Amino acid sequence: MKHLVTALALTIAAGGVFAQASAAAPAASKPMTAQQQKMSDCASQNKGKKGDDYKSGVKACMSAPAASEASTMTPQQQKMSDCAKANKGKKGDDYKSGVKACMSASAASK
């Protein structure tokens, strides 16, 4: 019985070492996504804050558009964004028809 418990303990310990090594390898070789990088930047900007102050700081930072995001919108995307904002609060078919009219008006004014 004593040998069984020892063997089981060694098996679990060895499994933990191999699990850590295999989990660390993909994380080291995989680059951070843009969202992960932004979260990291926001967290470092709000370092030292506690509780709700930290949460609100990170939330404000995360919701602010990055400089590269604002400039990468195509004219079509910008038009769609403007029309969506103009029809904010509408629901269903009312929203769809409002955006469609806005998009058509934008295309006609070109």
PDB file of N, CA and C in Angstrom:
ATOM      1  N   MET A   1       0.820  -1.189   0.000  1.00  0.00           N
ATOM      2  CA  MET A   1       0.000   0.000   0.000  1.00  0.00           C
ATOM      3  C   MET A   1       0.870   1.261   0.000  1.00  0.00           C
ATOM      4  N   LYS A   2       1.942   1.204   0.793  1.00  0.00           N
ATOM      5  CA  LYS A   2       2.834   2.359   0.877  1.00  0.00           C
ATOM      6  C   LYS A   2       3.489   2.626  -0.480  1.00  0.00           C
ATOM      7  N   HIS A   3       3.862   1.556  -1.203  1.00  0.00           N
ATOM      8  CA  HIS A   3       4.482   1.708  -2.513  1.00  0.00           C
ATOM      9  C   HIS A   3       3.490   2.253  -3.540  1.00  0.00           C
ATOM     10  N   LEU A   4       2.228   1.894  -3.413  1.00  0.00           N
ATOM     11  CA  LEU A   4       1.193   2.369  -4.322  1.00  0.00           C
ATOM     12  C   LEU A   4       0.993   3.874  -4.167  1.00  0.00           C
ATOM     13  N   VAL A   5       0.946   4.335  -2.923  1.00  0.00           N
ATOM     14  CA  VAL A   5       0.776   5.769  -2.667  1.00  0.00           C
ATOM     15  C   VAL A   5       1.987   6.542  -3.176  1.00  0.00           C
ATOM     16  N   THR A   6       3.187   6.015  -2.966  1.00  0.00           N
ATOM     17  CA  THR A   6       4.402   6.667  -3.443  1.00  0.00           C
ATOM     18  C   THR A   6       4.422   6.730  -4.963  1.00  0.00           C
ATOM     19  N   ALA A   7       4.065   5.641  -5.604  1.00  0.00           N
ATOM     20  CA  ALA A   7       4.043   5.603  -7.063  1.00  0.00           C
ATOM     21  C   ALA A   7       3.011   6.581  -7.618  1.00  0.00           C
ATOM     22  N   LEU A   8       1.873   6.655  -6.973  1.00  0.00           N
ATOM     23  CA  LEU A   8       0.819   7.584  -7.402  1.00  0.00           C
ATOM     24  C   LEU A   8       1.275   9.034  -7.248  1.00  0.00           C
ATOM     25  N   ALA A   9       1.929   9.331  -6.134  1.00  0.00           N
ATOM     26  CA  ALA A   9       2.422  10.697  -5.895  1.00  0.00           C
ATOM     27  C   ALA A   9       3.472  11.088  -6.925  1.00  0.00           C
ATOM     28  N   LEU A  10       4.373  10.176  -7.246  1.00  0.00           N
ATOM     29  CA  LEU A  10       5.401  10.468  -8.253  1.00  0.00           C
ATOM     30  C   LEU A  10       4.792  10.656  -9.637  1.00  0.00           C
ATOM     31  N   THR A  11       3.786   9.869  -9.948  1.00  0.00           N
ATOM     32  CA  THR A  11       3.117   9.993 -11.242  1.00  0.00           C
ATOM     33  C   THR A  11       2.441  11.357 -11.378  1.00  0.00           C
ATOM     34  N   ILE A  12       1.768  11.779 -10.325  1.00  0.00           N
ATOM     35  CA  ILE A  12       1.095  13.085 -10.351  1.00  0.00           C
ATOM     36  C   ILE A  12       2.112  14.212 -10.449  1.00  0.00           C
ATOM     37  N   ALA A  13       3.203  14.112  -9.689  1.00  0.00           N
ATOM     38  CA  ALA A  13       4.235  15.150  -9.727  1.00  0.00           C
ATOM     39  C   ALA A  13       4.879  15.228 -11.111  1.00  0.00           C
ATOM     40  N   ALA A  14       5.187  14.084 -11.699  1.00  0.00           N
ATOM     41  CA  ALA A  14       5.798  14.077 -13.027  1.00  0.00           C
ATOM     42  C   ALA A  14       4.833  14.613 -14.073  1.00  0.00           C
ATOM     43  N   GLY A  15       3.573  14.273 -13.945  1.00  0.00           N
ATOM     44  CA  GLY A  15       2.563  14.786 -14.879  1.00  0.00           C
ATOM     45  C   GLY A  15       2.442  16.290 -14.792  1.00  0.00           C
ATOM     46  N   GLY A  16       2.543  16.833 -13.601  1.00  0.00           N
ATOM     47  CA  GLY A  16       2.469  18.291 -13.417  1.00  0.00           C
ATOM     48  C   GLY A  16       3.635  19.000 -14.063  1.00  0.00           C
ATOM     49  N   VAL A  17       4.845  18.419 -13.964  1.00  0.00           N
ATOM     50  CA  VAL A  17       6.024  19.023 -14.579  1.00  0.00           C
ATOM     51  C   VAL A  17       5.885  19.036 -16.093  1.00  0.00           C
ATOM     52  N   PHE A  18       5.447  17.931 -16.674  1.00  0.00           N
ATOM     53  CA  PHE A  18       5.287  17.875 -18.120  1.00  0.00           C
ATOM     54  C   PHE A  18       4.155  18.788 -18.590  1.00  0.00           C
ATOM     55  N   ALA A  19       3.109  18.899 -17.799  1.00  0.00           N
ATOM     56  CA  ALA A  19       1.993  19.770 -18.174  1.00  0.00           C
ATOM     57  C   ALA A  19       2.438  21.224 -18.191  1.00  0.00           C
ATOM     58  N   GLN A  20       3.255  21.626 -17.218  1.00  0.00           N
ATOM     59  CA  GLN A  20       3.744  23.000 -17.178  1.00  0.00           C
ATOM     60  C   GLN A  20       4.651  23.288 -18.368  1.00  0.00           C
ATOM     61  N   ALA A  21       5.509  22.347 -18.712  1.00  0.00           N
ATOM     62  CA  ALA A  21       6.430  22.544 -19.827  1.00  0.00           C
ATOM     63  C   ALA A  21       5.676  22.656 -21.141  1.00  0.00           C
ATOM     64  N   SER A  22       4.660  21.837 -21.344  1.00  0.00           N
ATOM     65  CA  SER A  22       3.921  21.888 -22.600  1.00  0.00           C
ATOM     66  C   SER A  22       3.002  23.100 -22.669  1.00  0.00           C
ATOM     67  N   ALA A  23       2.512  23.564 -21.528  1.00  0.00           N
ATOM     68  CA  ALA A  23       1.651  24.745 -21.522  1.00  0.00           C
ATOM     69  C   ALA A  23       2.459  26.015 -21.742  1.00  0.00           C
ATOM     70  N   ALA A  24       3.685  26.041 -21.269  1.00  0.00           N
ATOM     71  CA  ALA A  24       4.517  27.233 -21.406  1.00  0.00           C
ATOM     72  C   ALA A  24       5.052  27.389 -22.825  1.00  0.00           C
ATOM     73  N   ALA A  25       5.288  26.308 -23.525  1.00  0.00           N
ATOM     74  CA  ALA A  25       5.863  26.384 -24.859  1.00  0.00           C
ATOM     75  C   ALA A  25       4.963  27.104 -25.853  1.00  0.00           C
ATOM     76  N   PRO A  26       3.652  26.801 -25.963  1.00  0.00           N
ATOM     77  CA  PRO A  26       2.822  27.526 -26.922  1.00  0.00           C
ATOM     78  C   PRO A  26       2.658  28.998 -26.558  1.00  0.00           C
ATOM     79  N   ALA A  27       2.609  29.307 -25.281  1.00  0.00           N
ATOM     80  CA  ALA A  27       2.415  30.692 -24.864  1.00  0.00           C
ATOM     81  C   ALA A  27       3.620  31.542 -25.241  1.00  0.00           C
ATOM     82  N   ALA A  28       4.809  30.982 -25.154  1.00  0.00           N
ATOM     83  CA  ALA A  28       6.010  31.740 -25.454  1.00  0.00           C
ATOM     84  C   ALA A  28       6.153  32.001 -26.956  1.00  0.00           C
ATOM     85  N   SER A  29       5.736  31.063 -27.797  1.00  0.00           N
ATOM     86  CA  SER A  29       5.922  31.217 -29.231  1.00  0.00           C
ATOM     87  C   SER A  29       4.748  31.932 -29.908  1.00  0.00           C
ATOM     88  N   LYS A  30       3.635  32.061 -29.230  1.00  0.00           N
ATOM     89  CA  LYS A  30       2.450  32.658 -29.823  1.00  0.00           C
ATOM     90  C   LYS A  30       2.402  34.160 -29.511  1.00  0.00           C
ATOM     91  N   PRO A  31       2.378  35.035 -30.511  1.00  0.00           N
ATOM     92  CA  PRO A  31       2.330  36.472 -30.246  1.00  0.00           C
ATOM     93  C   PRO A  31       0.956  36.886 -29.706  1.00  0.00           C
ATOM     94  N   MET A  32       0.947  37.987 -28.995  1.00  0.00           N
ATOM     95  CA  MET A  32      -0.309  38.493 -28.430  1.00  0.00           C
ATOM     96  C   MET A  32      -1.172  39.065 -29.543  1.00  0.00           C
ATOM     97  N   THR A  33      -2.489  38.880 -29.408  1.00  0.00           N
ATOM     98  CA  THR A  33      -3.419  39.469 -30.365  1.00  0.00           C
ATOM     99  C   THR A  33      -3.518  40.960 -30.078  1.00  0.00           C
ATOM    100  N   ALA A  34      -4.137  41.700 -30.969  1.00  0.00           N
ATOM    101  CA  ALA A  34      -4.290  43.144 -30.773  1.00  0.00           C
ATOM    102  C   ALA A  34      -5.100  43.435 -29.506  1.00  0.00           C
ATOM    103  N   GLN A  35      -6.132  42.627 -29.267  1.00  0.00           N
ATOM    104  CA  GLN A  35      -6.973  42.808 -28.083  1.00  0.00           C
ATOM    105  C   GLN A  35      -6.165  42.539 -26.814  1.00  0.00           C
ATOM    106  N   GLN A  36      -5.360  41.488 -26.824  1.00  0.00           N
ATOM    107  CA  GLN A  36      -4.538  41.173 -25.656  1.00  0.00           C
ATOM    108  C   GLN A  36      -3.501  42.259 -25.414  1.00  0.00           C
ATOM    109  N   GLN A  37      -2.923  42.791 -26.479  1.00  0.00           N
ATOM    110  CA  GLN A  37      -1.938  43.862 -26.341  1.00  0.00           C
ATOM    111  C   GLN A  37      -2.580  45.114 -25.767  1.00  0.00           C
ATOM    112  N   LYS A  38      -3.789  45.429 -26.246  1.00  0.00           N
ATOM    113  CA  LYS A  38      -4.493  46.605 -25.749  1.00  0.00           C
ATOM    114  C   LYS A  38      -4.829  46.439 -24.271  1.00  0.00           C
ATOM    115  N   MET A  39      -5.253  45.234 -23.873  1.00  0.00           N
ATOM    116  CA  MET A  39      -5.564  44.970 -22.473  1.00  0.00           C
ATOM    117  C   MET A  39      -4.313  45.114 -21.615  1.00  0.00           C
ATOM    118  N   SER A  40      -3.203  44.622 -22.106  1.00  0.00           N
ATOM    119  CA  SER A  40      -1.941  44.741 -21.384  1.00  0.00           C
ATOM    120  C   SER A  40      -1.544  46.208 -21.219  1.00  0.00           C
ATOM    121  N   ASP A  41      -1.673  46.987 -22.279  1.00  0.00           N
ATOM    122  CA  ASP A  41      -1.339  48.411 -22.227  1.00  0.00           C
ATOM    123  C   ASP A  41      -2.245  49.163 -21.243  1.00  0.00           C
ATOM    124  N   CYS A  42      -3.542  48.851 -21.283  1.00  0.00           N
ATOM    125  CA  CYS A  42      -4.486  49.513 -20.387  1.00  0.00           C
ATOM    126  C   CYS A  42      -4.219  49.142 -18.931  1.00  0.00           C
ATOM    127  N   ALA A  43      -3.879  47.893 -18.700  1.00  0.00           N
ATOM    128  CA  ALA A  43      -3.579  47.453 -17.339  1.00  0.00           C
ATOM    129  C   ALA A  43      -2.335  48.162 -16.813  1.00  0.00           C
ATOM    130  N   SER A  44      -1.321  48.319 -17.659  1.00  0.00           N
ATOM    131  CA  SER A  44      -0.097  48.979 -17.207  1.00  0.00           C
ATOM    132  C   SER A  44      -0.323  50.480 -16.990  1.00  0.00           C
ATOM    133  N   GLN A  45      -1.222  51.091 -17.762  1.00  0.00           N
ATOM    134  CA  GLN A  45      -1.535  52.507 -17.573  1.00  0.00           C
ATOM    135  C   GLN A  45      -2.249  52.750 -16.245  1.00  0.00           C
ATOM    136  N   ASN A  46      -3.012  51.761 -15.793  1.00  0.00           N
ATOM    137  CA  ASN A  46      -3.796  51.909 -14.565  1.00  0.00           C
ATOM    138  C   ASN A  46      -3.159  51.197 -13.378  1.00  0.00           C
ATOM    139  N   LYS A  47      -1.884  50.891 -13.487  1.00  0.00           N
ATOM    140  CA  LYS A  47      -1.166  50.197 -12.418  1.00  0.00           C
ATOM    141  C   LYS A  47      -1.146  51.079 -11.162  1.00  0.00           C
ATOM    142  N   GLY A  48      -1.387  50.487 -10.043  1.00  0.00           N
ATOM    143  CA  GLY A  48      -1.384  51.223  -8.787  1.00  0.00           C
ATOM    144  C   GLY A  48      -2.781  51.605  -8.322  1.00  0.00           C
ATOM    145  N   LYS A  49      -3.745  51.580  -9.223  1.00  0.00           N
ATOM    146  CA  LYS A  49      -5.122  51.872  -8.843  1.00  0.00           C
ATOM    147  C   LYS A  49      -5.738  50.618  -8.241  1.00  0.00           C
ATOM    148  N   LYS A  50      -6.749  50.790  -7.423  1.00  0.00           N
ATOM    149  CA  LYS A  50      -7.384  49.660  -6.747  1.00  0.00           C
ATOM    150  C   LYS A  50      -8.880  49.648  -7.002  1.00  0.00           C
ATOM    151  N   GLY A  51      -9.456  48.452  -7.016  1.00  0.00           N
ATOM    152  CA  GLY A  51     -10.904  48.264  -7.043  1.00  0.00           C
ATOM    153  C   GLY A  51     -11.613  48.924  -8.198  1.00  0.00           C
ATOM    154  N   ASP A  52     -12.672  49.669  -7.857  1.00  0.00           N
ATOM    155  CA  ASP A  52     -13.509  50.297  -8.880  1.00  0.00           C
ATOM    156  C   ASP A  52     -12.747  51.340  -9.688  1.00  0.00           C
ATOM    157  N   ASP A  53     -11.782  52.012  -9.059  1.00  0.00           N
ATOM    158  CA  ASP A  53     -10.984  53.005  -9.769  1.00  0.00           C
ATOM    159  C   ASP A  53     -10.190  52.338 -10.892  1.00  0.00           C
ATOM    160  N   TYR A  54      -9.605  51.169 -10.586  1.00  0.00           N
ATOM    161  CA  TYR A  54      -8.860  50.407 -11.599  1.00  0.00           C
ATOM    162  C   TYR A  54      -9.786  49.935 -12.705  1.00  0.00           C
ATOM    163  N   LYS A  55     -10.927  49.367 -12.314  1.00  0.00           N
ATOM    164  CA  LYS A  55     -11.877  48.840 -13.302  1.00  0.00           C
ATOM    165  C   LYS A  55     -12.368  49.935 -14.239  1.00  0.00           C
ATOM    166  N   SER A  56     -12.709  51.097 -13.689  1.00  0.00           N
ATOM    167  CA  SER A  56     -13.209  52.175 -14.538  1.00  0.00           C
ATOM    168  C   SER A  56     -12.115  52.720 -15.444  1.00  0.00           C
ATOM    169  N   GLY A  57     -10.878  52.758 -14.949  1.00  0.00           N
ATOM    170  CA  GLY A  57      -9.764  53.215 -15.782  1.00  0.00           C
ATOM    171  C   GLY A  57      -9.503  52.287 -16.940  1.00  0.00           C
ATOM    172  N   VAL A  58      -9.510  50.982 -16.672  1.00  0.00           N
ATOM    173  CA  VAL A  58      -9.285  49.992 -17.731  1.00  0.00           C
ATOM    174  C   VAL A  58     -10.446  50.010 -18.716  1.00  0.00           C
ATOM    175  N   LYS A  59     -11.671  50.147 -18.200  1.00  0.00           N
ATOM    176  CA  LYS A  59     -12.844  50.171 -19.079  1.00  0.00           C
ATOM    177  C   LYS A  59     -12.783  51.367 -20.028  1.00  0.00           C
ATOM    178  N   ALA A  60     -12.421  52.527 -19.501  1.00  0.00           N
ATOM    179  CA  ALA A  60     -12.320  53.720 -20.343  1.00  0.00           C
ATOM    180  C   ALA A  60     -11.219  53.555 -21.392  1.00  0.00           C
ATOM    181  N   CYS A  61     -10.112  52.981 -20.978  1.00  0.00           N
ATOM    182  CA  CYS A  61      -8.996  52.757 -21.898  1.00  0.00           C
ATOM    183  C   CYS A  61      -9.375  51.758 -22.992  1.00  0.00           C
ATOM    184  N   MET A  62     -10.047  50.683 -22.610  1.00  0.00           N
ATOM    185  CA  MET A  62     -10.425  49.653 -23.579  1.00  0.00           C
ATOM    186  C   MET A  62     -11.482  50.150 -24.561  1.00  0.00           C
ATOM    187  N   SER A  63     -12.367  51.022 -24.116  1.00  0.00           N
ATOM    188  CA  SER A  63     -13.425  51.494 -24.999  1.00  0.00           C
ATOM    189  C   SER A  63     -12.954  52.613 -25.928  1.00  0.00           C
ATOM    190  N   ALA A  64     -11.828  53.227 -25.610  1.00  0.00           N
ATOM    191  CA  ALA A  64     -11.285  54.273 -26.478  1.00  0.00           C
ATOM    192  C   ALA A  64     -10.685  53.621 -27.715  1.00  0.00           C
ATOM    193  N   PRO A  65     -10.984  54.156 -28.895  1.00  0.00           N
ATOM    194  CA  PRO A  65     -10.417  53.543 -30.103  1.00  0.00           C
ATOM    195  C   PRO A  65      -8.914  53.784 -30.178  1.00  0.00           C
ATOM    196  N   ALA A  66      -8.183  52.814 -30.639  1.00  0.00           N
ATOM    197  CA  ALA A  66      -6.747  52.971 -30.835  1.00  0.00           C
ATOM    198  C   ALA A  66      -6.514  53.872 -32.039  1.00  0.00           C
ATOM    199  N   ALA A  67      -5.380  54.487 -32.087  1.00  0.00           N
ATOM    200  CA  ALA A  67      -5.078  55.405 -33.193  1.00  0.00           C
ATOM    201  C   ALA A  67      -5.117  54.671 -34.533  1.00  0.00           C
ATOM    202  N   SER A  68      -4.660  53.441 -34.553  1.00  0.00           N
ATOM    203  CA  SER A  68      -4.640  52.695 -35.819  1.00  0.00           C
ATOM    204  C   SER A  68      -6.035  52.244 -36.226  1.00  0.00           C
ATOM    205  N   GLU A  69      -6.948  52.021 -35.241  1.00  0.00           N
ATOM    206  CA  GLU A  69      -8.294  51.585 -35.565  1.00  0.00           C
ATOM    207  C   GLU A  69      -9.081  52.672 -36.273  1.00  0.00           C
ATOM    208  N   ALA A  70      -8.944  53.909 -35.843  1.00  0.00           N
ATOM    209  CA  ALA A  70      -9.715  55.001 -36.408  1.00  0.00           C
ATOM    210  C   ALA A  70      -9.320  55.267 -37.862  1.00  0.00           C
ATOM    211  N   SER A  71      -8.069  55.106 -38.188  1.00  0.00           N
ATOM    212  CA  SER A  71      -7.613  55.437 -39.535  1.00  0.00           C
ATOM    213  C   SER A  71      -7.758  54.284 -40.521  1.00  0.00           C
ATOM    214  N   THR A  72      -8.079  53.091 -40.051  1.00  0.00           N
ATOM    215  CA  THR A  72      -8.144  51.951 -40.956  1.00  0.00           C
ATOM    216  C   THR A  72      -9.541  51.692 -41.507  1.00  0.00           C
ATOM    217  N   MET A  73     -10.517  52.481 -41.131  1.00  0.00           N
ATOM    218  CA  MET A  73     -11.873  52.274 -41.650  1.00  0.00           C
ATOM    219  C   MET A  73     -11.942  52.734 -43.105  1.00  0.00           C
ATOM    220  N   THR A  74     -12.552  51.908 -43.926  1.00  0.00           N
ATOM    221  CA  THR A  74     -12.753  52.279 -45.321  1.00  0.00           C
ATOM    222  C   THR A  74     -13.892  53.301 -45.382  1.00  0.00           C
ATOM    223  N   PRO A  75     -14.042  54.002 -46.499  1.00  0.00           N
ATOM    224  CA  PRO A  75     -15.159  54.944 -46.611  1.00  0.00           C
ATOM    225  C   PRO A  75     -16.521  54.266 -46.420  1.00  0.00           C
ATOM    226  N   GLN A  76     -16.643  53.042 -46.930  1.00  0.00           N
ATOM    227  CA  GLN A  76     -17.904  52.310 -46.774  1.00  0.00           C
ATOM    228  C   GLN A  76     -18.165  52.005 -45.299  1.00  0.00           C
ATOM    229  N   GLN A  77     -17.131  51.586 -44.586  1.00  0.00           N
ATOM    230  CA  GLN A  77     -17.286  51.293 -43.166  1.00  0.00           C
ATOM    231  C   GLN A  77     -17.630  52.561 -42.381  1.00  0.00           C
ATOM    232  N   GLN A  78     -16.999  53.664 -42.740  1.00  0.00           N
ATOM    233  CA  GLN A  78     -17.274  54.932 -42.067  1.00  0.00           C
ATOM    234  C   GLN A  78     -18.717  55.366 -42.306  1.00  0.00           C
ATOM    235  N   LYS A  79     -19.180  55.200 -43.556  1.00  0.00           N
ATOM    236  CA  LYS A  79     -20.557  55.542 -43.906  1.00  0.00           C
ATOM    237  C   LYS A  79     -21.540  54.685 -43.102  1.00  0.00           C
ATOM    238  N   MET A  80     -21.253  53.378 -43.010  1.00  0.00           N
ATOM    239  CA  MET A  80     -22.119  52.463 -42.271  1.00  0.00           C
ATOM    240  C   MET A  80     -22.145  52.833 -40.796  1.00  0.00           C
ATOM    241  N   SER A  81     -20.996  53.185 -40.251  1.00  0.00           N
ATOM    242  CA  SER A  81     -20.910  53.586 -38.852  1.00  0.00           C
ATOM    243  C   SER A  81     -21.724  54.855 -38.590  1.00  0.00           C
ATOM    244  N   ASP A  82     -21.601  55.826 -39.482  1.00  0.00           N
ATOM    245  CA  ASP A  82     -22.354  57.078 -39.332  1.00  0.00           C
ATOM    246  C   ASP A  82     -23.860  56.833 -39.407  1.00  0.00           C
ATOM    247  N   CYS A  83     -24.284  55.980 -40.347  1.00  0.00           N
ATOM    248  CA  CYS A  83     -25.708  55.687 -40.489  1.00  0.00           C
ATOM    249  C   CYS A  83     -26.231  54.894 -39.296  1.00  0.00           C
ATOM    250  N   ALA A  84     -25.424  54.017 -38.753  1.00  0.00           N
ATOM    251  CA  ALA A  84     -25.831  53.249 -37.571  1.00  0.00           C
ATOM    252  C   ALA A  84     -25.998  54.176 -36.371  1.00  0.00           C
ATOM    253  N   LYS A  85     -25.098  55.138 -36.235  1.00  0.00           N
ATOM    254  CA  LYS A  85     -25.202  56.102 -35.136  1.00  0.00           C
ATOM    255  C   LYS A  85     -26.428  56.993 -35.306  1.00  0.00           C
ATOM    256  N   ALA A  86     -26.723  57.356 -36.549  1.00  0.00           N
ATOM    257  CA  ALA A  86     -27.878  58.215 -36.813  1.00  0.00           C
ATOM    258  C   ALA A  86     -29.193  57.492 -36.487  1.00  0.00           C
ATOM    259  N   ASN A  87     -29.205  56.178 -36.586  1.00  0.00           N
ATOM    260  CA  ASN A  87     -30.423  55.399 -36.339  1.00  0.00           C
ATOM    261  C   ASN A  87     -30.385  54.655 -35.005  1.00  0.00           C
ATOM    262  N   LYS A  88     -29.534  55.090 -34.117  1.00  0.00           N
ATOM    263  CA  LYS A  88     -29.408  54.455 -32.808  1.00  0.00           C
ATOM    264  C   LYS A  88     -30.723  54.570 -32.038  1.00  0.00           C
ATOM    265  N   GLY A  89     -31.113  53.492 -31.410  1.00  0.00           N
ATOM    266  CA  GLY A  89     -32.356  53.480 -30.642  1.00  0.00           C
ATOM    267  C   GLY A  89     -33.522  52.868 -31.393  1.00  0.00           C
ATOM    268  N   LYS A  90     -33.409  52.787 -32.702  1.00  0.00           N
ATOM    269  CA  LYS A  90     -34.460  52.149 -33.492  1.00  0.00           C
ATOM    270  C   LYS A  90     -34.279  50.647 -33.425  1.00  0.00           C
ATOM    271  N   LYS A  91     -35.353  49.907 -33.618  1.00  0.00           N
ATOM    272  CA  LYS A  91     -35.312  48.453 -33.530  1.00  0.00           C
ATOM    273  C   LYS A  91     -35.853  47.807 -34.802  1.00  0.00           C
ATOM    274  N   GLY A  92     -35.335  46.617 -35.107  1.00  0.00           N
ATOM    275  CA  GLY A  92     -35.879  45.789 -36.168  1.00  0.00           C
ATOM    276  C   GLY A  92     -35.937  46.433 -37.539  1.00  0.00           C
ATOM    277  N   ASP A  93     -37.129  46.331 -38.161  1.00  0.00           N
ATOM    278  CA  ASP A  93     -37.325  46.838 -39.521  1.00  0.00           C
ATOM    279  C   ASP A  93     -37.169  48.351 -39.594  1.00  0.00           C
ATOM    280  N   ASP A  94     -37.551  49.044 -38.525  1.00  0.00           N
ATOM    281  CA  ASP A  94     -37.403  50.499 -38.488  1.00  0.00           C
ATOM    282  C   ASP A  94     -35.927  50.881 -38.593  1.00  0.00           C
ATOM    283  N   TYR A  95     -35.066  50.143 -37.863  1.00  0.00           N
ATOM    284  CA  TYR A  95     -33.625  50.387 -37.909  1.00  0.00           C
ATOM    285  C   TYR A  95     -33.069  50.073 -39.307  1.00  0.00           C
ATOM    286  N   LYS A  96     -33.452  48.917 -39.842  1.00  0.00           N
ATOM    287  CA  LYS A  96     -32.958  48.500 -41.154  1.00  0.00           C
ATOM    288  C   LYS A  96     -33.338  49.490 -42.241  1.00  0.00           C
ATOM    289  N   SER A  97     -34.596  49.954 -42.218  1.00  0.00           N
ATOM    290  CA  SER A  97     -35.026  50.898 -43.253  1.00  0.00           C
ATOM    291  C   SER A  97     -34.339  52.252 -43.080  1.00  0.00           C
ATOM    292  N   GLY A  98     -34.104  52.656 -41.843  1.00  0.00           N
ATOM    293  CA  GLY A  98     -33.404  53.920 -41.600  1.00  0.00           C
ATOM    294  C   GLY A  98     -31.969  53.885 -42.093  1.00  0.00           C
ATOM    295  N   VAL A  99     -31.271  52.789 -41.816  1.00  0.00           N
ATOM    296  CA  VAL A  99     -29.894  52.647 -42.275  1.00  0.00           C
ATOM    297  C   VAL A  99     -29.863  52.554 -43.805  1.00  0.00           C
ATOM    298  N   LYS A 100     -30.804  51.829 -44.379  1.00  0.00           N
ATOM    299  CA  LYS A 100     -30.849  51.692 -45.834  1.00  0.00           C
ATOM    300  C   LYS A 100     -31.058  53.057 -46.494  1.00  0.00           C
ATOM    301  N   ALA A 101     -31.973  53.853 -45.942  1.00  0.00           N
ATOM    302  CA  ALA A 101     -32.219  55.183 -46.492  1.00  0.00           C
ATOM    303  C   ALA A 101     -30.989  56.072 -46.347  1.00  0.00           C
ATOM    304  N   CYS A 102     -30.343  55.979 -45.209  1.00  0.00           N
ATOM    305  CA  CYS A 102     -29.143  56.774 -44.969  1.00  0.00           C
ATOM    306  C   CYS A 102     -28.031  56.387 -45.937  1.00  0.00           C
ATOM    307  N   MET A 103     -27.833  55.080 -46.126  1.00  0.00           N
ATOM    308  CA  MET A 103     -26.800  54.602 -47.031  1.00  0.00           C
ATOM    309  C   MET A 103     -27.090  55.014 -48.476  1.00  0.00           C
ATOM    310  N   SER A 104     -28.372  54.944 -48.842  1.00  0.00           N
ATOM    311  CA  SER A 104     -28.756  55.344 -50.194  1.00  0.00           C
ATOM    312  C   SER A 104     -28.551  56.836 -50.408  1.00  0.00           C
ATOM    313  N   ALA A 105     -28.864  57.612 -49.379  1.00  0.00           N
ATOM    314  CA  ALA A 105     -28.678  59.068 -49.474  1.00  0.00           C
ATOM    315  C   ALA A 105     -27.199  59.403 -49.569  1.00  0.00           C
ATOM    316  N   SER A 106     -26.381  58.670 -48.871  1.00  0.00           N
ATOM    317  CA  SER A 106     -24.931  58.908 -48.917  1.00  0.00           C
ATOM    318  C   SER A 106     -24.375  58.547 -50.300  1.00  0.00           C
ATOM    319  N   ALA A 107     -24.881  57.457 -50.870  1.00  0.00           N
ATOM    320  CA  ALA A 107     -24.422  57.035 -52.193  1.00  0.00           C
ATOM    321  C   ALA A 107     -24.895  58.006 -53.261  1.00  0.00           C
ATOM    322  N   ALA A 108     -26.099  58.540 -53.103  1.00  0.00           N
ATOM    323  CA  ALA A 108     -26.651  59.466 -54.086  1.00  0.00           C
ATOM    324  C   ALA A 108     -25.940  60.814 -54.049  1.00  0.00           C
ATOM    325  N   SER A 109     -25.455  61.207 -52.896  1.00  0.00           N
ATOM    326  CA  SER A 109     -24.795  62.515 -52.790  1.00  0.00           C
ATOM    327  C   SER A 109     -23.386  62.510 -53.367  1.00  0.00           C
ATOM    328  N   LYS A 110     -22.852  61.337 -53.713  1.00  0.00           N
ATOM    329  CA  LYS A 110     -21.509  61.266 -54.305  1.00  0.00           C
ATOM    330  C   LYS A 110     -21.499  61.795 -55.665  1.00  0.00           C
TER     331      LYS A 110
END
